[in-house]
Amino acid sequence: MKNFVLLLIFACIPFSCFSQTTPKNTKEKSEIKPSKNDDGEWDITVMDTQFDYFLNGIAKPISQYSESYLKTKNTFLVNEWNSYYNTGKYRNIIESGIDYDPKENYGIKFEYKLYQVFAYVSWKYGLRMNGLSGSDVIR
């Protein structure tokens, strides 16, 4: 009887080591959301140290674009980006979706910076985005 109790205790030890919490099966969505800065202008934050270098040294200047052109391109590119994010394609590059409302007037500075995010990802990681103009795909 004493051996049976010891055997029962040793048999239960592995079960007591399992986690008591239930794993989350739902994937938490992470989205990049535009926000207004202190001046009341829309802004987007890019957490990559090379982005500022790209924006100041490699990207075409803002004067090369019109706001309507950038808005049209961004609408298409955000849809493409979110499609990749939702399907898990390029998950090592695309880690979040983008919350972008094409009806909102973000201003040319924001539209330019968002467009350059797509150009930057293409430049740094070689990700081909169909909405980018050929002249903005820098190799």
N, C-alpha and C. Protein backbone atom coordinates (compact mmCIF):
# COMPACT_ATOMS: atom_id res chain seq x y z
N MET A 1 0.82 -1.19 0.00
CA MET A 1 0.00 0.00 0.00
C MET A 1 0.87 1.26 0.00
N LYS A 2 1.95 1.24 0.79
CA LYS A 2 2.85 2.37 0.88
C LYS A 2 3.49 2.65 -0.49
N ASN A 3 3.86 1.59 -1.20
CA ASN A 3 4.45 1.74 -2.53
C ASN A 3 3.42 2.29 -3.52
N PHE A 4 2.17 1.91 -3.38
CA PHE A 4 1.11 2.39 -4.26
C PHE A 4 0.91 3.89 -4.09
N VAL A 5 0.93 4.39 -2.86
CA VAL A 5 0.77 5.81 -2.59
C VAL A 5 1.95 6.59 -3.18
N LEU A 6 3.17 6.09 -3.00
CA LEU A 6 4.34 6.76 -3.56
C LEU A 6 4.29 6.78 -5.08
N LEU A 7 3.86 5.67 -5.67
CA LEU A 7 3.73 5.59 -7.12
C LEU A 7 2.69 6.59 -7.62
N LEU A 8 1.59 6.72 -6.92
CA LEU A 8 0.53 7.66 -7.28
C LEU A 8 1.04 9.10 -7.19
N ILE A 9 1.80 9.40 -6.15
CA ILE A 9 2.34 10.76 -5.99
C ILE A 9 3.32 11.07 -7.11
N PHE A 10 4.22 10.14 -7.42
CA PHE A 10 5.18 10.37 -8.50
C PHE A 10 4.49 10.46 -9.86
N ALA A 11 3.40 9.76 -10.02
CA ALA A 11 2.65 9.82 -11.28
C ALA A 11 1.95 11.16 -11.45
N CYS A 12 1.57 11.80 -10.35
CA CYS A 12 0.84 13.08 -10.43
C CYS A 12 1.77 14.29 -10.55
N ILE A 13 3.04 14.15 -10.23
CA ILE A 13 3.97 15.28 -10.27
C ILE A 13 4.06 15.90 -11.67
N PRO A 14 4.20 15.12 -12.74
CA PRO A 14 4.28 15.77 -14.06
C PRO A 14 3.03 16.60 -14.39
N PHE A 15 1.86 16.16 -13.96
CA PHE A 15 0.63 16.90 -14.25
C PHE A 15 0.57 18.21 -13.48
N SER A 16 1.19 18.27 -12.33
CA SER A 16 1.17 19.50 -11.55
C SER A 16 2.12 20.55 -12.11
N CYS A 17 3.01 20.14 -12.99
CA CYS A 17 3.97 21.07 -13.57
C CYS A 17 3.41 21.81 -14.78
N PHE A 18 2.29 21.39 -15.34
CA PHE A 18 1.71 22.05 -16.50
C PHE A 18 1.18 23.42 -16.12
N SER A 19 1.22 24.32 -17.02
CA SER A 19 0.74 25.68 -16.79
C SER A 19 -0.75 25.67 -16.50
N GLN A 20 -1.15 26.50 -15.58
CA GLN A 20 -2.55 26.59 -15.21
C GLN A 20 -3.31 27.62 -16.02
N THR A 21 -2.61 28.40 -16.82
CA THR A 21 -3.28 29.41 -17.63
C THR A 21 -3.63 28.81 -18.98
N THR A 22 -4.69 29.33 -19.55
CA THR A 22 -5.09 28.86 -20.88
C THR A 22 -4.42 29.74 -21.92
N PRO A 23 -3.88 29.15 -22.97
CA PRO A 23 -3.22 29.96 -24.00
C PRO A 23 -4.25 30.76 -24.79
N LYS A 24 -3.82 31.92 -25.25
CA LYS A 24 -4.69 32.75 -26.07
C LYS A 24 -4.64 32.24 -27.50
N ASN A 25 -5.78 31.88 -28.02
CA ASN A 25 -5.84 31.42 -29.40
C ASN A 25 -6.08 32.56 -30.37
N THR A 26 -6.56 33.67 -29.86
CA THR A 26 -6.84 34.79 -30.74
C THR A 26 -5.58 35.61 -30.94
N LYS A 27 -5.31 35.95 -32.17
CA LYS A 27 -4.14 36.75 -32.50
C LYS A 27 -4.50 38.21 -32.23
N GLU A 28 -3.71 38.85 -31.38
CA GLU A 28 -3.95 40.25 -31.09
C GLU A 28 -3.44 41.06 -32.26
N LYS A 29 -4.31 41.91 -32.80
CA LYS A 29 -3.91 42.72 -33.94
C LYS A 29 -3.20 43.97 -33.46
N SER A 30 -2.10 44.24 -34.10
CA SER A 30 -1.33 45.42 -33.81
C SER A 30 -1.44 46.31 -35.04
N GLU A 31 -1.79 47.57 -34.83
CA GLU A 31 -1.96 48.46 -35.96
C GLU A 31 -1.17 49.74 -35.76
N ILE A 32 -0.68 50.25 -36.87
CA ILE A 32 -0.04 51.55 -36.89
C ILE A 32 -1.17 52.55 -37.11
N LYS A 33 -1.31 53.48 -36.18
CA LYS A 33 -2.38 54.47 -36.29
C LYS A 33 -1.80 55.86 -36.41
N PRO A 34 -2.32 56.64 -37.33
CA PRO A 34 -1.89 58.03 -37.42
C PRO A 34 -2.31 58.77 -36.15
N SER A 35 -1.49 59.71 -35.73
CA SER A 35 -1.84 60.52 -34.56
C SER A 35 -1.45 61.96 -34.83
N LYS A 36 -2.09 62.86 -34.11
CA LYS A 36 -1.76 64.27 -34.27
C LYS A 36 -0.62 64.64 -33.34
N ASN A 37 0.32 65.42 -33.86
CA ASN A 37 1.44 65.86 -33.04
C ASN A 37 1.06 67.13 -32.28
N ASP A 38 2.02 67.76 -31.61
CA ASP A 38 1.75 68.95 -30.81
C ASP A 38 1.25 70.12 -31.64
N ASP A 39 1.62 70.16 -32.91
CA ASP A 39 1.19 71.25 -33.78
C ASP A 39 -0.18 71.00 -34.40
N GLY A 40 -0.80 69.88 -34.09
CA GLY A 40 -2.11 69.55 -34.65
C GLY A 40 -2.04 68.90 -36.02
N GLU A 41 -0.84 68.57 -36.48
CA GLU A 41 -0.69 67.92 -37.77
C GLU A 41 -0.62 66.41 -37.57
N TRP A 42 -1.08 65.68 -38.57
CA TRP A 42 -1.02 64.22 -38.50
C TRP A 42 0.42 63.76 -38.65
N ASP A 43 0.77 62.70 -37.92
CA ASP A 43 2.13 62.18 -37.98
C ASP A 43 2.10 60.67 -37.78
N ILE A 44 3.13 60.02 -38.25
CA ILE A 44 3.29 58.58 -38.08
C ILE A 44 4.72 58.36 -37.58
N THR A 45 4.87 57.48 -36.62
CA THR A 45 6.18 57.22 -36.04
C THR A 45 6.75 55.92 -36.61
N VAL A 46 7.96 55.98 -37.12
CA VAL A 46 8.64 54.80 -37.64
C VAL A 46 9.77 54.47 -36.69
N MET A 47 9.75 53.25 -36.17
CA MET A 47 10.72 52.85 -35.15
C MET A 47 11.91 52.12 -35.78
N ASP A 48 12.50 52.68 -36.79
CA ASP A 48 13.68 52.10 -37.43
C ASP A 48 14.70 53.22 -37.59
N THR A 49 15.88 52.99 -37.09
CA THR A 49 16.90 54.04 -37.08
C THR A 49 17.34 54.46 -38.48
N GLN A 50 17.25 53.58 -39.44
CA GLN A 50 17.68 53.91 -40.80
C GLN A 50 16.62 54.69 -41.58
N PHE A 51 15.41 54.76 -41.07
CA PHE A 51 14.34 55.44 -41.81
C PHE A 51 14.66 56.92 -42.00
N ASP A 52 15.15 57.60 -40.96
CA ASP A 52 15.48 59.02 -41.09
C ASP A 52 16.59 59.23 -42.12
N TYR A 53 17.57 58.34 -42.12
CA TYR A 53 18.62 58.41 -43.14
C TYR A 53 18.01 58.28 -44.54
N PHE A 54 17.12 57.29 -44.70
CA PHE A 54 16.48 57.07 -45.98
C PHE A 54 15.68 58.30 -46.40
N LEU A 55 14.90 58.84 -45.46
CA LEU A 55 14.03 59.97 -45.76
C LEU A 55 14.83 61.21 -46.16
N ASN A 56 15.94 61.44 -45.49
CA ASN A 56 16.74 62.65 -45.75
C ASN A 56 17.78 62.49 -46.86
N GLY A 57 18.23 61.26 -47.10
CA GLY A 57 19.32 61.09 -48.04
C GLY A 57 19.01 60.34 -49.32
N ILE A 58 17.98 59.50 -49.31
CA ILE A 58 17.74 58.65 -50.46
C ILE A 58 16.40 58.93 -51.15
N ALA A 59 15.37 59.15 -50.35
CA ALA A 59 14.03 59.35 -50.90
C ALA A 59 13.94 60.63 -51.72
N LYS A 60 13.05 60.61 -52.69
CA LYS A 60 12.79 61.83 -53.46
C LYS A 60 12.23 62.91 -52.54
N PRO A 61 12.49 64.17 -52.83
CA PRO A 61 11.96 65.24 -51.98
C PRO A 61 10.44 65.36 -52.09
N ILE A 62 9.84 65.94 -51.09
CA ILE A 62 8.39 66.08 -51.03
C ILE A 62 7.86 66.91 -52.20
N SER A 63 8.68 67.82 -52.72
CA SER A 63 8.24 68.69 -53.82
C SER A 63 7.99 67.91 -55.12
N GLN A 64 8.42 66.67 -55.18
CA GLN A 64 8.24 65.85 -56.38
C GLN A 64 6.82 65.27 -56.48
N TYR A 65 6.03 65.43 -55.43
CA TYR A 65 4.72 64.78 -55.35
C TYR A 65 3.62 65.79 -55.08
N SER A 66 2.42 65.44 -55.54
CA SER A 66 1.24 66.22 -55.15
C SER A 66 0.50 65.43 -54.07
N GLU A 67 -0.29 66.12 -53.28
CA GLU A 67 -1.01 65.45 -52.20
C GLU A 67 -2.01 64.43 -52.75
N SER A 68 -2.69 64.76 -53.84
CA SER A 68 -3.68 63.83 -54.40
C SER A 68 -3.00 62.57 -54.94
N TYR A 69 -1.83 62.73 -55.53
CA TYR A 69 -1.07 61.57 -56.02
C TYR A 69 -0.70 60.66 -54.86
N LEU A 70 -0.17 61.24 -53.77
CA LEU A 70 0.24 60.45 -52.62
C LEU A 70 -0.96 59.77 -51.95
N LYS A 71 -2.09 60.47 -51.87
CA LYS A 71 -3.28 59.89 -51.25
C LYS A 71 -3.76 58.68 -52.05
N THR A 72 -3.76 58.80 -53.36
CA THR A 72 -4.17 57.68 -54.23
C THR A 72 -3.23 56.50 -54.06
N LYS A 73 -1.94 56.77 -54.10
CA LYS A 73 -0.95 55.70 -53.94
C LYS A 73 -1.05 55.06 -52.55
N ASN A 74 -1.17 55.88 -51.51
CA ASN A 74 -1.24 55.36 -50.15
C ASN A 74 -2.47 54.49 -49.92
N THR A 75 -3.59 54.88 -50.51
CA THR A 75 -4.81 54.07 -50.38
C THR A 75 -4.55 52.67 -50.92
N PHE A 76 -3.96 52.59 -52.09
CA PHE A 76 -3.65 51.30 -52.70
C PHE A 76 -2.61 50.53 -51.89
N LEU A 77 -1.55 51.22 -51.48
CA LEU A 77 -0.45 50.57 -50.76
C LEU A 77 -0.87 50.09 -49.37
N VAL A 78 -1.71 50.85 -48.68
CA VAL A 78 -2.19 50.43 -47.36
C VAL A 78 -3.04 49.16 -47.51
N ASN A 79 -3.87 49.11 -48.53
CA ASN A 79 -4.67 47.89 -48.77
C ASN A 79 -3.77 46.69 -49.05
N GLU A 80 -2.75 46.90 -49.84
CA GLU A 80 -1.80 45.83 -50.14
C GLU A 80 -1.05 45.39 -48.88
N TRP A 81 -0.59 46.36 -48.10
CA TRP A 81 0.14 46.10 -46.86
C TRP A 81 -0.74 45.31 -45.88
N ASN A 82 -1.97 45.79 -45.67
CA ASN A 82 -2.88 45.12 -44.73
C ASN A 82 -3.25 43.72 -45.20
N SER A 83 -3.32 43.54 -46.51
CA SER A 83 -3.58 42.21 -47.06
C SER A 83 -2.43 41.27 -46.71
N TYR A 84 -1.21 41.74 -46.87
CA TYR A 84 -0.04 40.93 -46.49
C TYR A 84 -0.05 40.63 -44.99
N TYR A 85 -0.39 41.65 -44.20
CA TYR A 85 -0.41 41.47 -42.75
C TYR A 85 -1.47 40.44 -42.33
N ASN A 86 -2.67 40.58 -42.88
CA ASN A 86 -3.77 39.69 -42.49
C ASN A 86 -3.56 38.25 -42.93
N THR A 87 -2.87 38.05 -44.03
CA THR A 87 -2.62 36.69 -44.51
C THR A 87 -1.33 36.10 -43.92
N GLY A 88 -0.54 36.92 -43.27
CA GLY A 88 0.71 36.44 -42.68
C GLY A 88 1.86 36.37 -43.66
N LYS A 89 1.64 36.90 -44.85
CA LYS A 89 2.71 36.92 -45.85
C LYS A 89 3.73 37.97 -45.44
N TYR A 90 4.99 37.65 -45.56
CA TYR A 90 6.10 38.53 -45.17
C TYR A 90 6.03 38.88 -43.69
N ARG A 91 5.67 37.92 -42.85
CA ARG A 91 5.49 38.23 -41.42
C ARG A 91 6.79 38.63 -40.74
N ASN A 92 7.92 38.32 -41.34
CA ASN A 92 9.18 38.77 -40.75
C ASN A 92 9.45 40.25 -41.05
N ILE A 93 8.71 40.83 -41.98
CA ILE A 93 8.86 42.25 -42.32
C ILE A 93 7.66 43.06 -41.83
N ILE A 94 6.47 42.57 -42.12
CA ILE A 94 5.24 43.29 -41.79
C ILE A 94 4.70 42.78 -40.46
N GLU A 95 4.88 43.58 -39.42
CA GLU A 95 4.51 43.16 -38.07
C GLU A 95 3.23 43.81 -37.58
N SER A 96 2.65 44.71 -38.35
CA SER A 96 1.41 45.36 -37.92
C SER A 96 0.66 45.87 -39.13
N GLY A 97 -0.64 46.02 -38.94
CA GLY A 97 -1.47 46.61 -39.97
C GLY A 97 -1.40 48.12 -39.87
N ILE A 98 -2.01 48.80 -40.85
CA ILE A 98 -2.03 50.26 -40.85
C ILE A 98 -3.48 50.72 -40.87
N ASP A 99 -3.84 51.56 -39.91
CA ASP A 99 -5.17 52.14 -39.83
C ASP A 99 -5.15 53.46 -40.61
N TYR A 100 -5.70 53.44 -41.80
CA TYR A 100 -5.65 54.60 -42.69
C TYR A 100 -7.02 54.82 -43.30
N ASP A 101 -7.55 56.03 -43.16
CA ASP A 101 -8.85 56.37 -43.72
C ASP A 101 -8.63 57.31 -44.91
N PRO A 102 -8.89 56.84 -46.13
CA PRO A 102 -8.64 57.69 -47.30
C PRO A 102 -9.53 58.93 -47.35
N LYS A 103 -10.61 58.94 -46.56
CA LYS A 103 -11.50 60.11 -46.55
C LYS A 103 -10.96 61.22 -45.64
N GLU A 104 -10.02 60.88 -44.77
CA GLU A 104 -9.45 61.85 -43.83
C GLU A 104 -8.41 62.70 -44.56
N ASN A 105 -8.38 64.00 -44.23
CA ASN A 105 -7.39 64.89 -44.80
C ASN A 105 -6.18 64.93 -43.87
N TYR A 106 -5.18 64.12 -44.16
CA TYR A 106 -3.99 64.02 -43.31
C TYR A 106 -2.96 65.11 -43.61
N GLY A 107 -2.99 65.65 -44.78
CA GLY A 107 -1.99 66.66 -45.17
C GLY A 107 -0.85 66.02 -45.95
N ILE A 108 -0.17 66.84 -46.73
CA ILE A 108 0.86 66.31 -47.62
C ILE A 108 2.06 65.75 -46.87
N LYS A 109 2.43 66.33 -45.72
CA LYS A 109 3.59 65.82 -44.98
C LYS A 109 3.35 64.39 -44.50
N PHE A 110 2.16 64.14 -43.99
CA PHE A 110 1.84 62.79 -43.53
C PHE A 110 1.78 61.82 -44.71
N GLU A 111 1.10 62.22 -45.78
CA GLU A 111 0.96 61.36 -46.95
C GLU A 111 2.35 61.03 -47.52
N TYR A 112 3.23 62.02 -47.54
CA TYR A 112 4.59 61.80 -48.04
C TYR A 112 5.34 60.81 -47.15
N LYS A 113 5.25 61.01 -45.85
CA LYS A 113 5.98 60.14 -44.93
C LYS A 113 5.45 58.71 -45.00
N LEU A 114 4.14 58.55 -45.10
CA LEU A 114 3.57 57.20 -45.22
C LEU A 114 4.01 56.54 -46.52
N TYR A 115 3.98 57.28 -47.60
CA TYR A 115 4.43 56.74 -48.89
C TYR A 115 5.89 56.32 -48.82
N GLN A 116 6.70 57.11 -48.13
CA GLN A 116 8.12 56.79 -48.01
C GLN A 116 8.36 55.58 -47.11
N VAL A 117 7.42 55.28 -46.22
CA VAL A 117 7.53 54.04 -45.43
C VAL A 117 7.51 52.85 -46.37
N PHE A 118 6.61 52.87 -47.33
CA PHE A 118 6.53 51.77 -48.30
C PHE A 118 7.78 51.72 -49.18
N ALA A 119 8.26 52.88 -49.61
CA ALA A 119 9.48 52.93 -50.41
C ALA A 119 10.68 52.44 -49.60
N TYR A 120 10.70 52.77 -48.31
CA TYR A 120 11.79 52.34 -47.42
C TYR A 120 11.79 50.83 -47.25
N VAL A 121 10.64 50.25 -47.04
CA VAL A 121 10.55 48.79 -46.88
C VAL A 121 11.00 48.10 -48.16
N SER A 122 10.64 48.67 -49.28
CA SER A 122 11.09 48.13 -50.56
C SER A 122 12.60 48.24 -50.69
N TRP A 123 13.15 49.38 -50.30
CA TRP A 123 14.59 49.63 -50.39
C TRP A 123 15.37 48.73 -49.43
N LYS A 124 14.95 48.67 -48.18
CA LYS A 124 15.72 47.96 -47.17
C LYS A 124 15.57 46.44 -47.27
N TYR A 125 14.34 45.96 -47.46
CA TYR A 125 14.07 44.53 -47.42
C TYR A 125 13.83 43.90 -48.79
N GLY A 126 13.74 44.72 -49.83
CA GLY A 126 13.49 44.18 -51.16
C GLY A 126 12.06 43.72 -51.36
N LEU A 127 11.14 44.16 -50.51
CA LEU A 127 9.73 43.78 -50.64
C LEU A 127 9.11 44.54 -51.80
N ARG A 128 8.60 43.80 -52.77
CA ARG A 128 7.99 44.44 -53.94
C ARG A 128 6.55 44.78 -53.62
N MET A 129 6.24 46.05 -53.69
CA MET A 129 4.88 46.54 -53.47
C MET A 129 4.36 47.02 -54.82
N ASN A 130 3.23 46.48 -55.24
CA ASN A 130 2.69 46.80 -56.56
C ASN A 130 2.27 48.26 -56.71
N GLY A 131 1.96 48.93 -55.60
CA GLY A 131 1.50 50.30 -55.68
C GLY A 131 2.61 51.34 -55.79
N LEU A 132 3.86 50.94 -55.59
CA LEU A 132 4.96 51.89 -55.70
C LEU A 132 5.27 52.20 -57.15
N SER A 133 5.56 53.44 -57.41
CA SER A 133 5.98 53.83 -58.76
C SER A 133 7.35 53.24 -59.04
N GLY A 134 7.62 52.96 -60.29
CA GLY A 134 8.91 52.40 -60.67
C GLY A 134 10.08 53.26 -60.26
N SER A 135 9.89 54.58 -60.32
CA SER A 135 10.99 55.49 -59.98
C SER A 135 11.23 55.55 -58.47
N ASP A 136 10.28 55.07 -57.67
CA ASP A 136 10.45 55.09 -56.22
C ASP A 136 10.99 53.78 -55.68
N VAL A 137 11.13 52.78 -56.54
CA VAL A 137 11.73 51.52 -56.14
C VAL A 137 13.23 51.68 -56.31
N ILE A 138 13.90 51.95 -55.21
CA ILE A 138 15.33 52.26 -55.23
C ILE A 138 16.11 51.00 -54.86
N ARG A 139 17.06 50.64 -55.66
CA ARG A 139 17.89 49.46 -55.40
C ARG A 139 19.31 49.86 -55.16
